[in-house]
Amino acid sequence: MTARTAIAATSAALAPACLAAALWLAATAPAPAPVAAQEGAGNPARGRIVYEANCVHCHRKDGAGGVKVTATAPPARSFATARFWRGRSDSQLHRAIAVGFPKSGMVAWKDLLKPQQIRDVVAYLRVAFQPR
């Protein structure tokens, strides 16, 4: 077995455990404190909590991505580049999170997160990673 196939096998074996850990973290995370925000607008502070509980496993805390969920999948997208943000709307980001990318191993979060939580994550992504 080559090092490359060993890494691929390990990644494939760890993917279900990572997903299970993310789901457990999401279920056990404390509820964010209520904040005065416009109804429907994303709240970056709440989004950070959701991101850290569910997204860092693949996209990393710094948004650099690069983690492969399965051996044949492309690495998780980096949010830390100007190229990623070029022409990217909030509705595109919301849809990507909601429906996922099955070929990459990213799950559809619409059944796991509330729509407001997805809006909060979008707001956090913009505040934390979009180049200024």
Protein backbone atom coordinates (compact mmCIF):
# COMPACT_ATOMS: atom_id res chain seq x y z
CA MET A 1 0.00 0.00 0.00
CA THR A 2 1.44 3.34 -1.01
CA ALA A 3 1.36 6.39 1.23
CA ARG A 4 -1.21 7.99 -1.09
CA THR A 5 -3.62 5.04 -0.89
CA ALA A 6 -3.10 4.83 2.88
CA ILE A 7 -4.02 8.51 3.24
CA ALA A 8 -7.06 8.06 0.97
CA ALA A 9 -8.21 5.02 2.96
CA THR A 10 -7.74 6.87 6.23
CA SER A 11 -9.67 9.90 4.93
CA ALA A 12 -12.52 7.70 3.74
CA ALA A 13 -12.60 5.90 7.09
CA LEU A 14 -12.60 9.14 9.08
CA ALA A 15 -15.32 10.95 7.08
CA PRO A 16 -18.28 9.28 8.86
CA ALA A 17 -16.69 9.92 12.25
CA CYS A 18 -16.13 13.60 11.39
CA LEU A 19 -19.75 13.96 10.30
CA ALA A 20 -20.94 12.25 13.48
CA ALA A 21 -18.76 14.54 15.58
CA ALA A 22 -20.10 17.62 13.77
CA LEU A 23 -23.69 16.51 14.34
CA TRP A 24 -22.98 15.80 18.01
CA LEU A 25 -21.33 19.20 18.45
CA ALA A 26 -24.27 20.91 16.78
CA ALA A 27 -26.72 19.11 19.05
CA THR A 28 -24.80 19.87 22.23
CA ALA A 29 -23.67 23.43 21.49
CA PRO A 30 -25.21 26.00 23.81
CA ALA A 31 -27.90 28.15 22.28
CA PRO A 32 -26.57 31.55 21.29
CA ALA A 33 -27.71 34.49 23.38
CA PRO A 34 -30.53 36.46 21.81
CA VAL A 35 -29.34 39.52 19.97
CA ALA A 36 -31.20 42.43 18.49
CA ALA A 37 -30.87 41.81 14.78
CA GLN A 38 -33.12 42.53 11.88
CA GLU A 39 -35.44 39.56 11.29
CA GLY A 40 -33.95 37.38 8.62
CA ALA A 41 -30.60 39.17 8.56
CA GLY A 42 -27.58 37.03 9.31
CA ASN A 43 -25.78 37.56 12.60
CA PRO A 44 -22.01 36.96 12.36
CA ALA A 45 -21.61 36.24 16.09
CA ARG A 46 -24.18 33.46 15.97
CA GLY A 47 -22.77 32.32 12.62
CA ARG A 48 -19.34 31.89 14.17
CA ILE A 49 -20.77 29.47 16.74
CA VAL A 50 -22.46 27.42 14.01
CA TYR A 51 -19.34 27.53 11.79
CA GLU A 52 -17.05 26.39 14.58
CA ALA A 53 -19.40 23.55 15.51
CA ASN A 54 -20.00 22.29 11.98
CA CYS A 55 -17.64 23.67 9.34
CA VAL A 56 -14.11 23.82 10.77
CA HIS A 57 -13.61 20.08 10.31
CA CYS A 58 -13.30 20.61 6.56
CA HIS A 59 -12.92 24.36 6.01
CA ARG A 60 -10.62 24.96 9.01
CA LYS A 61 -10.89 27.73 11.55
CA ASP A 62 -9.02 30.13 9.27
CA GLY A 63 -11.29 29.32 6.28
CA ALA A 64 -8.39 27.88 4.27
CA GLY A 65 -10.19 24.61 3.49
CA GLY A 66 -8.13 21.91 1.84
CA VAL A 67 -9.50 18.91 3.75
CA LYS A 68 -10.71 16.01 1.60
CA VAL A 69 -13.85 14.34 2.96
CA THR A 70 -13.49 11.31 0.70
CA ALA A 71 -10.55 9.92 -1.24
CA THR A 72 -12.03 10.89 -4.62
CA ALA A 73 -13.53 14.23 -3.60
CA PRO A 74 -11.95 17.59 -4.24
CA PRO A 75 -10.64 19.35 -1.13
CA ALA A 76 -12.99 21.61 0.82
CA ARG A 77 -13.15 25.11 -0.60
CA SER A 78 -11.09 27.94 0.81
CA PHE A 79 -12.99 31.06 1.83
CA ALA A 80 -9.75 32.99 2.30
CA THR A 81 -9.12 34.00 -1.32
CA ALA A 82 -10.32 36.99 -3.31
CA ARG A 83 -11.09 34.59 -6.17
CA PHE A 84 -13.69 32.77 -4.06
CA TRP A 85 -15.49 36.02 -3.21
CA ARG A 86 -15.51 37.48 -6.73
CA GLY A 87 -19.19 37.82 -7.72
CA ARG A 88 -20.42 35.63 -4.85
CA SER A 89 -23.86 36.65 -3.53
CA ASP A 90 -25.36 35.82 -0.15
CA SER A 91 -28.09 33.81 -1.87
CA GLN A 92 -25.44 31.71 -3.66
CA LEU A 93 -23.67 31.04 -0.38
CA HIS A 94 -26.95 30.21 1.36
CA ARG A 95 -27.91 27.75 -1.38
CA ALA A 96 -24.48 26.10 -1.35
CA ILE A 97 -24.72 25.51 2.39
CA ALA A 98 -28.35 24.40 2.23
CA VAL A 99 -28.03 21.87 -0.60
CA GLY A 100 -24.36 20.94 -0.15
CA PHE A 101 -22.10 19.42 -2.75
CA PRO A 102 -22.64 15.65 -2.76
CA LYS A 103 -19.69 14.94 -5.10
CA SER A 104 -17.34 16.71 -2.68
CA GLY A 105 -18.78 15.04 0.40
CA MET A 106 -20.36 18.24 1.75
CA VAL A 107 -23.73 17.40 3.22
CA ALA A 108 -26.90 19.39 2.63
CA TRP A 109 -27.23 21.40 5.83
CA LYS A 110 -30.87 22.41 5.18
CA ASP A 111 -32.09 19.41 7.17
CA LEU A 112 -29.60 19.96 10.00
CA LEU A 113 -29.61 23.74 10.40
CA LYS A 114 -32.45 26.23 10.53
CA PRO A 115 -32.62 28.79 7.69
CA GLN A 116 -31.65 31.53 10.15
CA GLN A 117 -28.56 29.57 11.19
CA ILE A 118 -27.52 29.32 7.54
CA ARG A 119 -28.00 33.09 7.13
CA ASP A 120 -25.89 33.57 10.25
CA VAL A 121 -23.10 31.42 8.79
CA VAL A 122 -23.19 33.41 5.54
CA ALA A 123 -22.86 36.64 7.55
CA TYR A 124 -19.94 35.17 9.50
CA LEU A 125 -18.17 34.02 6.32
CA ARG A 126 -18.37 37.53 4.90
CA VAL A 127 -17.11 39.19 8.09
CA ALA A 128 -14.39 36.64 8.87
CA PHE A 129 -12.97 35.71 5.47
CA GLN A 130 -13.95 38.15 2.72
CA PRO A 131 -10.91 40.24 1.78
CA ARG A 132 -11.38 43.94 2.35
